[in-house]
Amino acid sequence: MWAEMRDWLRGGCIPTHDQALIDDLVGPDYHFAGRTDKLLLESKEEMHKRGLASPDRGDALACTFFKKVARKDIFARRDRGDDRFRVASGTSEYDPFEGR
């Protein structure tokens, strides 16, 4: 899950004001498992030995990558009369904060 999150963070975004989350994401170390290219994330016990707290917020964010979620069909929403979805060239102009 942490590897999936790492890949997402290359293009996704997190709040820049959440220093606790940022610290959790950069805190854990990793190493390679033997002669394989498999990455192993540092255990929480090892982190505690280095004086770091458990990365609770980082773990919570990583858990959102546990299972792939299918993309909802924006055309189906448009057909139901939801005018927040305006499709142009295969993209949606949906604003989740519209009206707040």
C-alpha atoms as a PDB file:
ATOM      1  CA  MET A   1       0.000   0.000   0.000  1.00  0.00           C
ATOM      2  CA  TRP A   2       2.853   2.367   0.785  1.00  0.00           C
ATOM      3  CA  ALA A   3       4.361   1.714  -2.667  1.00  0.00           C
ATOM      4  CA  GLU A   4       1.002   2.453  -4.314  1.00  0.00           C
ATOM      5  CA  MET A   5       0.760   5.632  -2.250  1.00  0.00           C
ATOM      6  CA  ARG A   6       4.306   6.615  -3.225  1.00  0.00           C
ATOM      7  CA  ASP A   7       3.439   6.241  -6.894  1.00  0.00           C
ATOM      8  CA  TRP A   8       0.266   8.308  -6.436  1.00  0.00           C
ATOM      9  CA  LEU A   9       2.120  11.050  -4.554  1.00  0.00           C
ATOM     10  CA  ARG A  10       4.248  11.675  -7.632  1.00  0.00           C
ATOM     11  CA  GLY A  11       1.201  13.288  -9.265  1.00  0.00           C
ATOM     12  CA  GLY A  12      -1.302  13.622  -6.412  1.00  0.00           C
ATOM     13  CA  CYS A  13      -1.271  16.186  -3.699  1.00  0.00           C
ATOM     14  CA  ILE A  14      -1.538  16.368   0.063  1.00  0.00           C
ATOM     15  CA  PRO A  15      -2.127  19.401   2.250  1.00  0.00           C
ATOM     16  CA  THR A  16       1.134  21.291   2.676  1.00  0.00           C
ATOM     17  CA  HIS A  17       0.048  22.541   6.096  1.00  0.00           C
ATOM     18  CA  ASP A  18      -0.264  19.018   7.570  1.00  0.00           C
ATOM     19  CA  GLN A  19       3.269  18.687   8.929  1.00  0.00           C
ATOM     20  CA  ALA A  20       2.373  15.547  10.907  1.00  0.00           C
ATOM     21  CA  LEU A  21       1.367  13.756   7.692  1.00  0.00           C
ATOM     22  CA  ILE A  22       4.460  14.964   5.875  1.00  0.00           C
ATOM     23  CA  ASP A  23       6.671  13.740   8.742  1.00  0.00           C
ATOM     24  CA  ASP A  24       4.911  10.365   8.675  1.00  0.00           C
ATOM     25  CA  LEU A  25       5.505  10.000   4.949  1.00  0.00           C
ATOM     26  CA  VAL A  26       9.228  10.779   5.072  1.00  0.00           C
ATOM     27  CA  GLY A  27       9.955   9.032   8.402  1.00  0.00           C
ATOM     28  CA  PRO A  28       9.987   5.328   7.550  1.00  0.00           C
ATOM     29  CA  ASP A  29      13.128   3.956   5.947  1.00  0.00           C
ATOM     30  CA  TYR A  30      13.238   0.983   3.607  1.00  0.00           C
ATOM     31  CA  HIS A  31      15.663  -1.662   2.409  1.00  0.00           C
ATOM     32  CA  PHE A  32      15.771  -4.324  -0.248  1.00  0.00           C
ATOM     33  CA  ALA A  33      14.890  -7.904   0.636  1.00  0.00           C
ATOM     34  CA  GLY A  34      17.980 -10.004  -0.004  1.00  0.00           C
ATOM     35  CA  ARG A  35      18.942 -10.208  -3.645  1.00  0.00           C
ATOM     36  CA  THR A  36      15.491  -9.296  -4.896  1.00  0.00           C
ATOM     37  CA  ASP A  37      14.229  -5.909  -5.898  1.00  0.00           C
ATOM     38  CA  LYS A  38      11.417  -6.154  -3.329  1.00  0.00           C
ATOM     39  CA  LEU A  39      11.312  -3.183  -0.970  1.00  0.00           C
ATOM     40  CA  LEU A  40      10.664  -3.704   2.718  1.00  0.00           C
ATOM     41  CA  LEU A  41       9.351  -0.805   4.741  1.00  0.00           C
ATOM     42  CA  GLU A  42      10.947  -0.211   8.115  1.00  0.00           C
ATOM     43  CA  SER A  43       8.982  -1.679  11.013  1.00  0.00           C
ATOM     44  CA  LYS A  44       7.416   0.563  13.628  1.00  0.00           C
ATOM     45  CA  GLU A  45       9.683  -1.020  16.249  1.00  0.00           C
ATOM     46  CA  GLU A  46      12.749   0.011  14.215  1.00  0.00           C
ATOM     47  CA  MET A  47      11.324   3.510  13.861  1.00  0.00           C
ATOM     48  CA  HIS A  48      10.826   3.749  17.639  1.00  0.00           C
ATOM     49  CA  LYS A  49      14.475   2.743  18.155  1.00  0.00           C
ATOM     50  CA  ARG A  50      15.451   5.711  15.954  1.00  0.00           C
ATOM     51  CA  GLY A  51      13.262   8.006  18.066  1.00  0.00           C
ATOM     52  CA  LEU A  52      10.436   8.335  15.537  1.00  0.00           C
ATOM     53  CA  ALA A  53       6.753   8.031  16.328  1.00  0.00           C
ATOM     54  CA  SER A  54       4.444   5.575  14.626  1.00  0.00           C
ATOM     55  CA  PRO A  55       3.377   6.976  11.230  1.00  0.00           C
ATOM     56  CA  ASP A  56      -0.347   6.842  12.005  1.00  0.00           C
ATOM     57  CA  ARG A  57      -1.438   9.452   9.463  1.00  0.00           C
ATOM     58  CA  GLY A  58       0.813   7.968   6.810  1.00  0.00           C
ATOM     59  CA  ASP A  59      -0.649   4.522   7.532  1.00  0.00           C
ATOM     60  CA  ALA A  60      -4.184   5.932   7.266  1.00  0.00           C
ATOM     61  CA  LEU A  61      -3.428   7.473   3.877  1.00  0.00           C
ATOM     62  CA  ALA A  62      -1.708   4.275   2.714  1.00  0.00           C
ATOM     63  CA  CYS A  63      -4.785   2.225   3.668  1.00  0.00           C
ATOM     64  CA  THR A  64      -6.789   4.147   1.075  1.00  0.00           C
ATOM     65  CA  PHE A  65      -4.667   2.355  -1.546  1.00  0.00           C
ATOM     66  CA  PHE A  66      -5.566  -1.127  -0.264  1.00  0.00           C
ATOM     67  CA  LYS A  67      -7.950  -1.876  -3.086  1.00  0.00           C
ATOM     68  CA  LYS A  68      -8.316  -0.376  -6.528  1.00  0.00           C
ATOM     69  CA  VAL A  69     -11.528   1.585  -6.967  1.00  0.00           C
ATOM     70  CA  ALA A  70     -13.240   1.541 -10.323  1.00  0.00           C
ATOM     71  CA  ARG A  71     -13.767   4.901 -11.986  1.00  0.00           C
ATOM     72  CA  LYS A  72     -17.384   5.977 -11.913  1.00  0.00           C
ATOM     73  CA  ASP A  73     -18.869   6.509 -15.310  1.00  0.00           C
ATOM     74  CA  ILE A  74     -19.222  10.268 -15.683  1.00  0.00           C
ATOM     75  CA  PHE A  75     -21.469   9.794 -18.686  1.00  0.00           C
ATOM     76  CA  ALA A  76     -24.035   7.923 -16.571  1.00  0.00           C
ATOM     77  CA  ARG A  77     -24.179  10.831 -14.123  1.00  0.00           C
ATOM     78  CA  ARG A  78     -24.553  13.266 -16.980  1.00  0.00           C
ATOM     79  CA  ASP A  79     -27.450  11.219 -18.368  1.00  0.00           C
ATOM     80  CA  ARG A  80     -29.211  11.453 -15.013  1.00  0.00           C
ATOM     81  CA  GLY A  81     -29.251  15.236 -15.336  1.00  0.00           C
ATOM     82  CA  ASP A  82     -26.365  16.095 -13.047  1.00  0.00           C
ATOM     83  CA  ASP A  83     -25.143  19.275 -14.737  1.00  0.00           C
ATOM     84  CA  ARG A  84     -21.979  19.390 -12.611  1.00  0.00           C
ATOM     85  CA  PHE A  85     -20.512  16.902 -15.080  1.00  0.00           C
ATOM     86  CA  ARG A  86     -19.739  18.563 -18.377  1.00  0.00           C
ATOM     87  CA  VAL A  87     -17.701  16.288 -20.594  1.00  0.00           C
ATOM     88  CA  ALA A  88     -15.318  17.797 -23.112  1.00  0.00           C
ATOM     89  CA  SER A  89     -12.673  15.688 -24.825  1.00  0.00           C
ATOM     90  CA  GLY A  90     -13.158  12.861 -22.328  1.00  0.00           C
ATOM     91  CA  THR A  91     -12.525  14.967 -19.220  1.00  0.00           C
ATOM     92  CA  SER A  92     -14.804  16.131 -16.444  1.00  0.00           C
ATOM     93  CA  GLU A  93     -15.026  19.680 -15.168  1.00  0.00           C
ATOM     94  CA  TYR A  94     -16.591  18.514 -11.927  1.00  0.00           C
ATOM     95  CA  ASP A  95     -15.765  20.700  -8.934  1.00  0.00           C
ATOM     96  CA  PRO A  96     -16.430  18.862  -5.628  1.00  0.00           C
ATOM     97  CA  PHE A  97     -16.255  22.178  -3.758  1.00  0.00           C
ATOM     98  CA  GLU A  98     -18.781  23.960  -5.967  1.00  0.00           C
ATOM     99  CA  GLY A  99     -21.514  25.591  -3.891  1.00  0.00           C
ATOM    100  CA  ARG A 100     -19.641  25.484  -0.583  1.00  0.00           C
END
